[in-house]
N, C-alpha and C. Protein backbone atom coordinates (compact mmCIF):
# COMPACT_ATOMS: atom_id res chain seq x y z
N MET A 1 -32.03 -96.53 188.80
CA MET A 1 -31.55 -95.18 188.59
C MET A 1 -30.78 -94.71 189.79
N ILE A 2 -30.04 -93.60 189.64
CA ILE A 2 -29.22 -93.06 190.71
C ILE A 2 -29.86 -91.78 191.22
N MET A 3 -29.96 -91.64 192.53
CA MET A 3 -30.41 -90.40 193.10
C MET A 3 -29.40 -89.30 192.83
N SER A 4 -29.86 -88.09 192.57
CA SER A 4 -28.94 -86.97 192.47
C SER A 4 -28.34 -86.69 193.83
N GLU A 5 -27.15 -86.01 193.85
CA GLU A 5 -26.53 -85.68 195.13
C GLU A 5 -27.45 -84.80 195.96
N GLU A 6 -28.17 -83.88 195.28
CA GLU A 6 -29.07 -82.99 196.00
C GLU A 6 -30.19 -83.78 196.67
N LYS A 7 -30.76 -84.75 195.93
CA LYS A 7 -31.84 -85.55 196.50
C LYS A 7 -31.34 -86.40 197.65
N MET A 8 -30.13 -86.94 197.50
CA MET A 8 -29.58 -87.77 198.55
C MET A 8 -29.36 -86.97 199.82
N ASP A 9 -28.96 -85.69 199.69
CA ASP A 9 -28.74 -84.85 200.85
C ASP A 9 -30.01 -84.69 201.66
N HIS A 10 -31.16 -84.71 200.99
CA HIS A 10 -32.42 -84.45 201.67
C HIS A 10 -33.22 -85.72 201.95
N GLN A 11 -32.83 -86.82 201.33
CA GLN A 11 -33.60 -88.06 201.49
C GLN A 11 -32.64 -89.23 201.60
N ILE A 12 -32.02 -89.37 202.76
CA ILE A 12 -31.11 -90.48 202.97
C ILE A 12 -31.92 -91.74 203.19
N PRO A 13 -31.71 -92.76 202.40
CA PRO A 13 -32.53 -93.98 202.53
C PRO A 13 -32.26 -94.72 203.83
N ASN A 14 -33.24 -95.51 204.22
CA ASN A 14 -33.15 -96.34 205.42
C ASN A 14 -32.37 -97.60 205.07
N ILE A 15 -31.13 -97.71 205.58
CA ILE A 15 -30.25 -98.83 205.27
C ILE A 15 -30.22 -99.79 206.45
N VAL A 16 -30.43 -101.07 206.20
CA VAL A 16 -30.33 -102.09 207.24
C VAL A 16 -29.23 -103.08 206.86
N ILE A 17 -28.33 -103.32 207.82
CA ILE A 17 -27.30 -104.35 207.67
C ILE A 17 -27.76 -105.58 208.43
N ILE A 18 -27.86 -106.71 207.75
CA ILE A 18 -28.35 -107.92 208.39
C ILE A 18 -27.30 -108.47 209.35
N ASP A 19 -27.70 -108.66 210.60
CA ASP A 19 -26.81 -109.19 211.63
C ASP A 19 -27.27 -110.60 211.99
N TYR A 20 -26.52 -111.60 211.53
CA TYR A 20 -26.88 -112.98 211.81
C TYR A 20 -25.73 -113.75 212.43
N GLY A 21 -24.76 -113.01 212.96
CA GLY A 21 -23.65 -113.63 213.65
C GLY A 21 -22.54 -114.12 212.75
N ALA A 22 -22.60 -113.79 211.46
CA ALA A 22 -21.57 -114.26 210.53
C ALA A 22 -21.15 -113.14 209.58
N GLY A 23 -21.31 -111.91 210.01
CA GLY A 23 -21.00 -110.80 209.12
C GLY A 23 -20.10 -109.78 209.77
N ASN A 24 -19.32 -109.12 208.95
CA ASN A 24 -18.44 -108.05 209.41
C ASN A 24 -19.25 -106.76 209.48
N VAL A 25 -20.29 -106.76 210.32
CA VAL A 25 -21.30 -105.72 210.26
C VAL A 25 -20.77 -104.35 210.65
N PHE A 26 -19.87 -104.30 211.62
CA PHE A 26 -19.45 -102.98 212.10
C PHE A 26 -18.47 -102.32 211.14
N SER A 27 -17.67 -103.09 210.42
CA SER A 27 -16.83 -102.50 209.38
C SER A 27 -17.69 -101.91 208.27
N VAL A 28 -18.76 -102.62 207.91
CA VAL A 28 -19.67 -102.09 206.90
C VAL A 28 -20.36 -100.84 207.41
N ARG A 29 -20.81 -100.88 208.65
CA ARG A 29 -21.47 -99.69 209.22
C ARG A 29 -20.51 -98.51 209.27
N ASN A 30 -19.27 -98.76 209.65
CA ASN A 30 -18.29 -97.68 209.70
C ASN A 30 -18.03 -97.08 208.32
N ALA A 31 -18.04 -97.95 207.30
CA ALA A 31 -17.86 -97.45 205.93
C ALA A 31 -19.00 -96.51 205.54
N LEU A 32 -20.21 -96.88 205.90
CA LEU A 32 -21.36 -96.02 205.62
C LEU A 32 -21.27 -94.71 206.40
N GLN A 33 -20.86 -94.79 207.65
CA GLN A 33 -20.75 -93.59 208.47
C GLN A 33 -19.70 -92.63 207.94
N SER A 34 -18.71 -93.16 207.20
CA SER A 34 -17.65 -92.30 206.68
C SER A 34 -18.18 -91.28 205.67
N PHE A 35 -19.35 -91.54 205.08
CA PHE A 35 -19.94 -90.53 204.20
C PHE A 35 -21.34 -90.12 204.67
N GLY A 36 -21.57 -90.22 205.99
CA GLY A 36 -22.73 -89.60 206.60
C GLY A 36 -24.00 -90.41 206.65
N VAL A 37 -23.92 -91.73 206.43
CA VAL A 37 -25.10 -92.58 206.49
C VAL A 37 -24.98 -93.50 207.69
N ASP A 38 -25.95 -93.45 208.57
CA ASP A 38 -25.94 -94.29 209.78
C ASP A 38 -26.93 -95.43 209.58
N ALA A 39 -26.42 -96.62 209.34
CA ALA A 39 -27.27 -97.77 209.06
C ALA A 39 -27.75 -98.43 210.35
N ILE A 40 -28.85 -99.16 210.24
CA ILE A 40 -29.37 -99.97 211.33
C ILE A 40 -28.80 -101.38 211.20
N VAL A 41 -28.30 -101.93 212.29
CA VAL A 41 -27.83 -103.31 212.33
C VAL A 41 -28.91 -104.14 213.01
N SER A 42 -29.45 -105.14 212.32
CA SER A 42 -30.62 -105.84 212.88
C SER A 42 -30.74 -107.26 212.33
N ASP A 43 -31.35 -108.12 213.15
CA ASP A 43 -31.77 -109.45 212.70
C ASP A 43 -33.29 -109.59 212.75
N ASP A 44 -33.99 -108.48 212.93
CA ASP A 44 -35.45 -108.47 213.03
C ASP A 44 -36.05 -108.50 211.63
N PRO A 45 -36.82 -109.54 211.30
CA PRO A 45 -37.39 -109.62 209.95
C PRO A 45 -38.20 -108.40 209.56
N ASP A 46 -38.98 -107.83 210.49
CA ASP A 46 -39.79 -106.67 210.17
C ASP A 46 -38.93 -105.45 209.83
N VAL A 47 -37.85 -105.27 210.58
CA VAL A 47 -36.94 -104.15 210.33
C VAL A 47 -36.26 -104.33 208.97
N ILE A 48 -35.82 -105.55 208.69
CA ILE A 48 -35.15 -105.83 207.43
C ILE A 48 -36.09 -105.61 206.25
N GLN A 49 -37.31 -106.12 206.36
CA GLN A 49 -38.26 -105.99 205.26
C GLN A 49 -38.71 -104.54 205.06
N GLY A 50 -38.61 -103.73 206.10
CA GLY A 50 -39.02 -102.33 206.00
C GLY A 50 -37.94 -101.39 205.51
N ALA A 51 -36.75 -101.91 205.23
CA ALA A 51 -35.63 -101.06 204.81
C ALA A 51 -35.79 -100.62 203.35
N ASP A 52 -35.17 -99.50 203.02
CA ASP A 52 -35.07 -99.08 201.62
C ASP A 52 -34.00 -99.88 200.89
N LYS A 53 -32.90 -100.15 201.59
CA LYS A 53 -31.79 -100.92 201.06
C LYS A 53 -31.32 -101.88 202.14
N VAL A 54 -30.86 -103.06 201.72
CA VAL A 54 -30.39 -104.07 202.67
C VAL A 54 -28.97 -104.48 202.27
N ILE A 55 -28.07 -104.56 203.26
CA ILE A 55 -26.73 -105.06 203.04
C ILE A 55 -26.58 -106.36 203.81
N PHE A 56 -26.10 -107.37 203.10
CA PHE A 56 -26.03 -108.74 203.62
C PHE A 56 -24.56 -109.17 203.61
N PRO A 57 -23.82 -108.86 204.69
CA PRO A 57 -22.40 -109.21 204.73
C PRO A 57 -22.20 -110.65 205.15
N GLY A 58 -20.95 -111.09 205.12
CA GLY A 58 -20.68 -112.44 205.58
C GLY A 58 -19.20 -112.76 205.60
N VAL A 59 -18.78 -113.40 206.68
CA VAL A 59 -17.44 -113.97 206.78
C VAL A 59 -17.60 -115.34 207.45
N GLY A 60 -16.66 -116.25 207.18
CA GLY A 60 -16.73 -117.56 207.82
C GLY A 60 -17.18 -118.63 206.85
N ALA A 61 -17.76 -119.71 207.41
CA ALA A 61 -18.10 -120.90 206.64
C ALA A 61 -19.58 -120.91 206.25
N ALA A 62 -19.86 -121.41 205.05
CA ALA A 62 -21.23 -121.39 204.53
C ALA A 62 -22.20 -122.20 205.38
N GLY A 63 -21.79 -123.41 205.80
CA GLY A 63 -22.70 -124.26 206.57
C GLY A 63 -23.15 -123.62 207.86
N LYS A 64 -22.19 -123.09 208.63
CA LYS A 64 -22.53 -122.44 209.88
C LYS A 64 -23.38 -121.20 209.65
N ALA A 65 -23.04 -120.44 208.62
CA ALA A 65 -23.80 -119.22 208.33
C ALA A 65 -25.25 -119.54 207.99
N MET A 66 -25.48 -120.56 207.17
CA MET A 66 -26.86 -120.92 206.84
C MET A 66 -27.61 -121.41 208.06
N ASN A 67 -26.94 -122.14 208.97
CA ASN A 67 -27.59 -122.56 210.21
C ASN A 67 -28.03 -121.35 211.03
N GLN A 68 -27.17 -120.33 211.05
CA GLN A 68 -27.53 -119.13 211.81
C GLN A 68 -28.68 -118.38 211.16
N LEU A 69 -28.70 -118.35 209.83
CA LEU A 69 -29.84 -117.71 209.15
C LEU A 69 -31.13 -118.48 209.42
N ARG A 70 -31.06 -119.81 209.37
CA ARG A 70 -32.26 -120.61 209.64
C ARG A 70 -32.73 -120.43 211.08
N GLY A 71 -31.78 -120.34 212.00
CA GLY A 71 -32.14 -120.17 213.40
C GLY A 71 -32.89 -118.88 213.67
N LYS A 72 -32.68 -117.88 212.83
CA LYS A 72 -33.36 -116.60 212.98
C LYS A 72 -34.53 -116.44 212.01
N GLY A 73 -34.77 -117.47 211.20
CA GLY A 73 -35.84 -117.39 210.21
C GLY A 73 -35.52 -116.50 209.02
N LEU A 74 -34.27 -116.08 208.90
CA LEU A 74 -33.90 -115.15 207.83
C LEU A 74 -33.73 -115.85 206.49
N ASN A 75 -33.57 -117.16 206.50
CA ASN A 75 -33.49 -117.90 205.23
C ASN A 75 -34.80 -117.81 204.45
N GLU A 76 -35.90 -117.57 205.14
CA GLU A 76 -37.20 -117.40 204.48
C GLU A 76 -37.42 -115.95 204.06
N ILE A 77 -36.86 -115.02 204.83
CA ILE A 77 -37.10 -113.60 204.60
C ILE A 77 -36.26 -113.06 203.44
N ILE A 78 -34.97 -113.37 203.43
CA ILE A 78 -34.06 -112.75 202.47
C ILE A 78 -34.48 -112.99 201.02
N PRO A 79 -34.81 -114.21 200.61
CA PRO A 79 -35.19 -114.41 199.20
C PRO A 79 -36.44 -113.64 198.79
N ARG A 80 -37.27 -113.22 199.75
CA ARG A 80 -38.51 -112.51 199.43
C ARG A 80 -38.35 -111.00 199.40
N LEU A 81 -37.16 -110.51 199.71
CA LEU A 81 -36.95 -109.06 199.72
C LEU A 81 -37.10 -108.49 198.31
N THR A 82 -37.71 -107.32 198.20
CA THR A 82 -37.95 -106.69 196.90
C THR A 82 -37.15 -105.41 196.71
N GLN A 83 -36.54 -104.88 197.78
CA GLN A 83 -35.71 -103.70 197.67
C GLN A 83 -34.29 -104.10 197.24
N PRO A 84 -33.44 -103.16 196.85
CA PRO A 84 -32.05 -103.53 196.51
C PRO A 84 -31.34 -104.18 197.69
N VAL A 85 -30.68 -105.31 197.41
CA VAL A 85 -29.92 -106.07 198.42
C VAL A 85 -28.50 -106.23 197.91
N LEU A 86 -27.53 -105.94 198.77
CA LEU A 86 -26.12 -106.11 198.43
C LEU A 86 -25.51 -107.19 199.30
N GLY A 87 -25.15 -108.33 198.71
CA GLY A 87 -24.46 -109.39 199.42
C GLY A 87 -22.96 -109.22 199.28
N ILE A 88 -22.25 -109.30 200.40
CA ILE A 88 -20.80 -109.07 200.42
C ILE A 88 -20.08 -110.35 200.80
N CYS A 89 -19.14 -110.79 199.98
CA CYS A 89 -18.27 -111.94 200.22
C CYS A 89 -19.11 -113.20 200.48
N LEU A 90 -19.09 -113.74 201.69
CA LEU A 90 -19.93 -114.91 201.98
C LEU A 90 -21.40 -114.59 201.73
N GLY A 91 -21.81 -113.35 201.98
CA GLY A 91 -23.18 -112.94 201.71
C GLY A 91 -23.55 -113.14 200.25
N MET A 92 -22.63 -112.83 199.34
CA MET A 92 -22.87 -113.10 197.92
C MET A 92 -23.01 -114.59 197.68
N GLN A 93 -22.10 -115.39 198.24
CA GLN A 93 -22.12 -116.83 198.02
C GLN A 93 -23.40 -117.46 198.53
N LEU A 94 -23.92 -116.97 199.64
CA LEU A 94 -25.14 -117.53 200.21
C LEU A 94 -26.38 -117.22 199.37
N LEU A 95 -26.27 -116.24 198.47
CA LEU A 95 -27.38 -115.97 197.56
C LEU A 95 -27.52 -117.04 196.49
N MET A 96 -26.48 -117.85 196.29
CA MET A 96 -26.50 -118.89 195.27
C MET A 96 -27.31 -120.10 195.76
N GLU A 97 -27.43 -121.12 194.90
CA GLU A 97 -28.23 -122.30 195.25
C GLU A 97 -27.48 -123.26 196.16
N PHE A 98 -26.19 -123.40 195.92
CA PHE A 98 -25.44 -124.45 196.63
C PHE A 98 -23.99 -124.02 196.76
N SER A 99 -23.38 -124.37 197.92
CA SER A 99 -21.95 -124.15 198.12
C SER A 99 -21.27 -125.48 198.42
N GLY A 100 -20.13 -125.70 197.78
CA GLY A 100 -19.33 -126.88 198.08
C GLY A 100 -18.71 -126.84 199.45
N GLU A 101 -18.72 -125.68 200.08
CA GLU A 101 -18.22 -125.58 201.45
C GLU A 101 -19.27 -126.17 202.39
N ASP A 102 -18.92 -127.26 203.05
CA ASP A 102 -19.83 -127.98 203.95
C ASP A 102 -21.03 -128.58 203.21
N ASN A 103 -20.96 -128.69 201.87
CA ASN A 103 -22.10 -129.20 201.08
C ASN A 103 -23.40 -128.54 201.50
N THR A 104 -23.44 -127.24 201.32
CA THR A 104 -24.49 -126.40 201.90
C THR A 104 -25.54 -125.98 200.89
N GLU A 105 -26.80 -126.25 201.22
CA GLU A 105 -27.91 -125.67 200.47
C GLU A 105 -28.05 -124.22 200.89
N CYS A 106 -27.95 -123.32 199.93
CA CYS A 106 -27.96 -121.89 200.23
C CYS A 106 -29.35 -121.30 199.99
N LEU A 107 -29.43 -120.00 199.78
CA LEU A 107 -30.72 -119.32 199.72
C LEU A 107 -31.43 -119.49 198.38
N GLY A 108 -30.70 -119.82 197.34
CA GLY A 108 -31.34 -120.09 196.06
C GLY A 108 -31.90 -118.88 195.35
N VAL A 109 -31.40 -117.70 195.68
CA VAL A 109 -31.87 -116.48 195.01
C VAL A 109 -31.35 -116.43 193.57
N ILE A 110 -30.08 -116.82 193.39
CA ILE A 110 -29.43 -116.79 192.09
C ILE A 110 -29.03 -118.22 191.73
N PRO A 111 -29.35 -118.69 190.54
CA PRO A 111 -28.97 -120.07 190.17
C PRO A 111 -27.46 -120.20 190.07
N GLY A 112 -26.96 -121.35 190.50
CA GLY A 112 -25.54 -121.60 190.37
C GLY A 112 -24.92 -122.13 191.65
N GLU A 113 -23.64 -122.49 191.54
CA GLU A 113 -22.92 -123.19 192.60
C GLU A 113 -21.65 -122.44 192.98
N VAL A 114 -21.31 -122.52 194.26
CA VAL A 114 -20.06 -121.96 194.78
C VAL A 114 -19.05 -123.09 194.91
N LYS A 115 -17.86 -122.90 194.35
CA LYS A 115 -16.85 -123.95 194.30
C LYS A 115 -15.61 -123.55 195.08
N LYS A 116 -14.84 -124.54 195.50
CA LYS A 116 -13.58 -124.28 196.20
C LYS A 116 -12.49 -123.94 195.20
N ILE A 117 -11.67 -122.95 195.55
CA ILE A 117 -10.48 -122.65 194.75
C ILE A 117 -9.51 -123.81 194.94
N SER A 118 -9.24 -124.53 193.87
CA SER A 118 -8.32 -125.66 193.95
C SER A 118 -7.75 -125.91 192.57
N GLY A 119 -6.55 -126.47 192.54
CA GLY A 119 -5.92 -126.76 191.27
C GLY A 119 -5.39 -125.55 190.54
N TRP A 120 -5.37 -124.41 191.23
CA TRP A 120 -4.85 -123.20 190.62
C TRP A 120 -3.37 -123.12 191.00
N GLN A 121 -2.53 -123.79 190.27
CA GLN A 121 -1.15 -124.06 190.64
C GLN A 121 -0.37 -122.77 190.92
N GLY A 122 0.31 -122.80 192.07
CA GLY A 122 1.18 -121.70 192.44
C GLY A 122 0.48 -120.51 193.04
N LEU A 123 -0.83 -120.56 193.17
CA LEU A 123 -1.58 -119.43 193.73
C LEU A 123 -2.00 -119.73 195.16
N ARG A 124 -1.98 -118.70 195.97
CA ARG A 124 -2.29 -118.86 197.38
C ARG A 124 -3.80 -119.02 197.60
N VAL A 125 -4.14 -119.92 198.49
CA VAL A 125 -5.52 -120.09 198.93
C VAL A 125 -5.53 -119.94 200.45
N PRO A 126 -6.33 -119.03 200.99
CA PRO A 126 -7.33 -118.23 200.27
C PRO A 126 -6.72 -117.16 199.36
N HIS A 127 -7.52 -116.76 198.39
CA HIS A 127 -7.21 -115.59 197.57
C HIS A 127 -7.36 -114.38 198.49
N MET A 128 -6.25 -113.77 198.83
CA MET A 128 -6.27 -112.70 199.82
C MET A 128 -5.45 -111.52 199.34
N GLY A 129 -6.05 -110.34 199.37
CA GLY A 129 -5.35 -109.13 198.99
C GLY A 129 -6.07 -108.40 197.86
N TRP A 130 -5.35 -107.47 197.26
CA TRP A 130 -5.92 -106.59 196.24
C TRP A 130 -5.89 -107.26 194.87
N ASN A 131 -6.97 -107.11 194.14
CA ASN A 131 -7.04 -107.60 192.77
C ASN A 131 -8.01 -106.70 191.99
N ARG A 132 -7.86 -106.76 190.69
CA ARG A 132 -8.69 -105.90 189.84
C ARG A 132 -10.06 -106.53 189.58
N VAL A 133 -11.06 -105.68 189.51
CA VAL A 133 -12.41 -106.08 189.11
C VAL A 133 -12.70 -105.39 187.78
N LYS A 134 -12.99 -106.18 186.77
CA LYS A 134 -13.34 -105.64 185.46
C LYS A 134 -14.85 -105.69 185.30
N TYR A 135 -15.45 -104.55 185.08
CA TYR A 135 -16.89 -104.48 184.95
C TYR A 135 -17.28 -104.82 183.53
N SER A 136 -18.15 -105.82 183.39
CA SER A 136 -18.44 -106.38 182.08
C SER A 136 -19.49 -105.59 181.32
N ARG A 137 -20.19 -104.71 181.98
CA ARG A 137 -21.14 -103.85 181.29
C ARG A 137 -21.42 -102.62 182.14
N GLU A 138 -21.95 -101.60 181.50
CA GLU A 138 -22.27 -100.38 182.23
C GLU A 138 -23.38 -100.67 183.23
N HIS A 139 -23.22 -100.11 184.41
CA HIS A 139 -24.21 -100.31 185.47
C HIS A 139 -24.06 -99.15 186.45
N PRO A 140 -25.16 -98.62 186.98
CA PRO A 140 -25.04 -97.51 187.94
C PRO A 140 -24.25 -97.84 189.19
N LEU A 141 -24.08 -99.13 189.50
CA LEU A 141 -23.25 -99.51 190.64
C LEU A 141 -21.81 -99.05 190.45
N PHE A 142 -21.38 -98.89 189.20
CA PHE A 142 -20.00 -98.55 188.88
C PHE A 142 -19.85 -97.09 188.45
N SER A 143 -20.86 -96.28 188.72
CA SER A 143 -20.82 -94.88 188.31
C SER A 143 -19.60 -94.17 188.89
N GLY A 144 -18.87 -93.44 188.04
CA GLY A 144 -17.72 -92.69 188.49
C GLY A 144 -16.49 -93.52 188.75
N MET A 145 -16.50 -94.78 188.34
CA MET A 145 -15.38 -95.69 188.59
C MET A 145 -14.72 -96.06 187.27
N SER A 146 -13.44 -96.45 187.35
CA SER A 146 -12.73 -96.86 186.14
C SER A 146 -13.16 -98.27 185.74
N GLU A 147 -12.77 -98.67 184.53
CA GLU A 147 -13.17 -99.99 184.02
C GLU A 147 -12.54 -101.13 184.82
N HIS A 148 -11.36 -100.89 185.38
CA HIS A 148 -10.66 -101.89 186.19
C HIS A 148 -10.35 -101.28 187.55
N GLU A 149 -11.09 -101.63 188.58
CA GLU A 149 -10.88 -101.09 189.92
C GLU A 149 -10.20 -102.14 190.80
N TRP A 150 -9.34 -101.68 191.69
CA TRP A 150 -8.72 -102.56 192.67
C TRP A 150 -9.64 -102.71 193.87
N MET A 151 -9.92 -103.95 194.26
CA MET A 151 -10.75 -104.24 195.42
C MET A 151 -10.04 -105.29 196.29
N TYR A 152 -10.46 -105.38 197.55
CA TYR A 152 -9.79 -106.27 198.50
C TYR A 152 -10.58 -107.56 198.67
N PHE A 153 -9.90 -108.69 198.45
CA PHE A 153 -10.53 -110.01 198.50
C PHE A 153 -9.97 -110.84 199.66
N VAL A 154 -10.84 -111.66 200.26
CA VAL A 154 -10.43 -112.72 201.18
C VAL A 154 -11.45 -113.85 201.01
N HIS A 155 -11.07 -114.91 200.25
CA HIS A 155 -12.02 -116.00 200.04
C HIS A 155 -11.31 -117.24 199.53
N SER A 156 -11.89 -118.39 199.88
CA SER A 156 -11.39 -119.69 199.40
C SER A 156 -12.38 -120.37 198.47
N TYR A 157 -13.57 -119.80 198.33
CA TYR A 157 -14.62 -120.34 197.46
C TYR A 157 -15.04 -119.24 196.49
N TYR A 158 -15.58 -119.63 195.36
CA TYR A 158 -15.86 -118.65 194.32
C TYR A 158 -17.02 -119.12 193.44
N VAL A 159 -17.57 -118.19 192.68
CA VAL A 159 -18.55 -118.48 191.65
C VAL A 159 -17.84 -118.35 190.31
N SER A 160 -17.86 -119.39 189.51
CA SER A 160 -17.19 -119.34 188.21
C SER A 160 -17.93 -118.35 187.30
N GLN A 161 -17.44 -118.19 186.07
CA GLN A 161 -18.09 -117.25 185.15
C GLN A 161 -19.57 -117.59 185.03
N HIS A 162 -20.40 -116.57 185.09
CA HIS A 162 -21.84 -116.77 185.28
C HIS A 162 -22.60 -115.86 184.32
N PRO A 163 -23.73 -116.29 183.77
CA PRO A 163 -24.48 -115.44 182.85
C PRO A 163 -24.99 -114.15 183.49
N PHE A 164 -25.12 -114.12 184.82
CA PHE A 164 -25.57 -112.91 185.49
C PHE A 164 -24.43 -112.07 186.05
N ALA A 165 -23.20 -112.41 185.70
CA ALA A 165 -22.05 -111.64 186.17
C ALA A 165 -22.04 -110.26 185.52
N ILE A 166 -21.75 -109.24 186.33
CA ILE A 166 -21.55 -107.89 185.78
C ILE A 166 -20.13 -107.40 186.09
N GLY A 167 -19.34 -108.24 186.77
CA GLY A 167 -17.95 -107.94 187.03
C GLY A 167 -17.18 -109.24 187.19
N VAL A 168 -15.95 -109.27 186.69
CA VAL A 168 -15.12 -110.47 186.77
C VAL A 168 -13.72 -110.10 187.24
N THR A 169 -13.03 -111.09 187.80
CA THR A 169 -11.67 -110.92 188.30
C THR A 169 -10.84 -112.12 187.85
N ASP A 170 -9.58 -111.87 187.57
CA ASP A 170 -8.67 -112.94 187.17
C ASP A 170 -7.78 -113.34 188.35
N TYR A 171 -7.78 -114.63 188.66
CA TYR A 171 -6.86 -115.20 189.65
C TYR A 171 -6.52 -116.59 189.14
N HIS A 172 -5.59 -116.61 188.24
CA HIS A 172 -5.26 -117.77 187.42
C HIS A 172 -6.34 -118.01 186.36
N GLU A 173 -7.59 -118.03 186.77
CA GLU A 173 -8.69 -118.08 185.82
C GLU A 173 -9.69 -117.02 186.21
N SER A 174 -10.57 -116.70 185.30
CA SER A 174 -11.54 -115.63 185.53
C SER A 174 -12.72 -116.18 186.34
N PHE A 175 -13.15 -115.42 187.35
CA PHE A 175 -14.32 -115.81 188.14
C PHE A 175 -15.23 -114.61 188.33
N THR A 176 -16.44 -114.88 188.76
CA THR A 176 -17.45 -113.84 188.97
C THR A 176 -17.15 -113.09 190.26
N SER A 177 -16.92 -111.78 190.16
CA SER A 177 -16.69 -110.99 191.36
C SER A 177 -17.83 -110.01 191.64
N VAL A 178 -18.71 -109.79 190.66
CA VAL A 178 -19.95 -109.01 190.88
C VAL A 178 -21.05 -109.70 190.10
N ILE A 179 -22.18 -109.91 190.74
CA ILE A 179 -23.29 -110.61 190.10
C ILE A 179 -24.58 -109.88 190.42
N GLU A 180 -25.53 -109.94 189.50
CA GLU A 180 -26.81 -109.27 189.71
C GLU A 180 -27.94 -110.12 189.15
N MET A 181 -28.99 -110.25 189.94
CA MET A 181 -30.23 -110.85 189.45
C MET A 181 -31.38 -110.11 190.10
N ASN A 182 -32.19 -109.48 189.27
CA ASN A 182 -33.31 -108.67 189.74
C ASN A 182 -32.81 -107.62 190.74
N ASN A 183 -33.31 -107.62 191.97
CA ASN A 183 -32.91 -106.61 192.96
C ASN A 183 -31.73 -107.04 193.81
N PHE A 184 -31.15 -108.19 193.52
CA PHE A 184 -30.03 -108.72 194.31
C PHE A 184 -28.71 -108.50 193.58
N ILE A 185 -27.75 -107.91 194.29
CA ILE A 185 -26.39 -107.74 193.79
C ILE A 185 -25.45 -108.42 194.78
N GLY A 186 -24.47 -109.13 194.28
CA GLY A 186 -23.46 -109.74 195.14
C GLY A 186 -22.07 -109.34 194.69
N VAL A 187 -21.18 -109.07 195.66
CA VAL A 187 -19.78 -108.78 195.36
C VAL A 187 -18.91 -109.75 196.16
N GLN A 188 -17.92 -110.36 195.50
CA GLN A 188 -17.07 -111.32 196.18
C GLN A 188 -16.03 -110.65 197.06
N PHE A 189 -15.68 -109.44 196.75
CA PHE A 189 -14.69 -108.68 197.51
C PHE A 189 -15.35 -107.95 198.69
N HIS A 190 -14.53 -107.27 199.47
CA HIS A 190 -15.02 -106.49 200.61
C HIS A 190 -14.93 -105.01 200.27
N PRO A 191 -16.01 -104.38 199.83
CA PRO A 191 -15.93 -102.95 199.53
C PRO A 191 -15.61 -102.11 200.76
N GLU A 192 -16.04 -102.57 201.93
CA GLU A 192 -15.78 -101.81 203.16
C GLU A 192 -14.30 -101.79 203.53
N LYS A 193 -13.49 -102.65 202.89
CA LYS A 193 -12.05 -102.70 203.12
C LYS A 193 -11.26 -102.26 201.90
N SER A 194 -11.95 -101.70 200.91
CA SER A 194 -11.33 -101.43 199.61
C SER A 194 -11.10 -99.94 199.36
N ALA A 195 -10.89 -99.19 200.44
CA ALA A 195 -10.51 -97.78 200.33
C ALA A 195 -11.53 -97.00 199.49
N GLU A 196 -11.05 -96.03 198.72
CA GLU A 196 -11.96 -95.11 198.03
C GLU A 196 -12.84 -95.83 197.01
N SER A 197 -12.28 -96.83 196.32
CA SER A 197 -13.07 -97.55 195.32
C SER A 197 -14.25 -98.26 195.96
N GLY A 198 -14.01 -98.91 197.09
CA GLY A 198 -15.08 -99.61 197.78
C GLY A 198 -16.14 -98.68 198.33
N ILE A 199 -15.70 -97.55 198.89
CA ILE A 199 -16.65 -96.57 199.40
C ILE A 199 -17.52 -96.04 198.27
N ARG A 200 -16.91 -95.79 197.13
CA ARG A 200 -17.68 -95.30 195.99
C ARG A 200 -18.73 -96.32 195.58
N LEU A 201 -18.38 -97.59 195.55
CA LEU A 201 -19.34 -98.63 195.17
C LEU A 201 -20.49 -98.68 196.17
N ILE A 202 -20.19 -98.58 197.47
CA ILE A 202 -21.27 -98.58 198.47
C ILE A 202 -22.16 -97.36 198.31
N GLN A 203 -21.54 -96.20 198.05
CA GLN A 203 -22.34 -95.00 197.81
C GLN A 203 -23.26 -95.19 196.62
N ASN A 204 -22.73 -95.76 195.54
CA ASN A 204 -23.56 -96.01 194.37
C ASN A 204 -24.70 -96.97 194.68
N PHE A 205 -24.43 -97.98 195.49
CA PHE A 205 -25.48 -98.92 195.85
C PHE A 205 -26.62 -98.23 196.60
N ILE A 206 -26.28 -97.38 197.56
CA ILE A 206 -27.38 -96.77 198.34
C ILE A 206 -28.12 -95.71 197.57
N LYS A 207 -27.59 -95.31 196.41
CA LYS A 207 -28.32 -94.38 195.53
C LYS A 207 -29.23 -95.11 194.55
N LEU A 208 -29.14 -96.41 194.48
CA LEU A 208 -29.95 -97.16 193.52
C LEU A 208 -31.42 -97.07 193.88
N TYR A 209 -32.26 -96.76 192.88
CA TYR A 209 -33.73 -96.83 193.06
C TYR A 209 -34.32 -97.59 191.90
């Protein structure tokens, strides 16, 4: 459910952004600060587990990122989280079982595989820039948003069409750009770089209960 604006004004949830050395954490924090929410940036398992909402960003390569998560013990913590978790870009991909990037065993929160963009003739790799996200079903994450929103992407790997997809994007072929399983949501794009549409999506996420 979504908190009312009045409730949110009086009860701002405790937001933690996971800092594991592979995330664009300060851009995400700045996006939250733009509408009055000051998140905690932390790699402390106790702080992360005590949050109301968790944001799991990521940039870079899957193999290195998983090594950094293992080095901090976060590979054991993240799959056990029970509060709403938002994985962004590489953070979404790491929620899957396996990535073809560096042949990486990921967190295994969501079944499925991350594949390299290849064979998409005439299209640039990485997929970089603005593209539309079509929401495949009604969801409070998309409250107040149009059916096709422009979001900013930077990625060379992707999740193909998936039974848990709630948003898809076309780039020669259709791929999963928003996915949900239980309390975990992943977005392939960068909402923190997606202007008003991205800010709205982050606002909707922190209102989820």
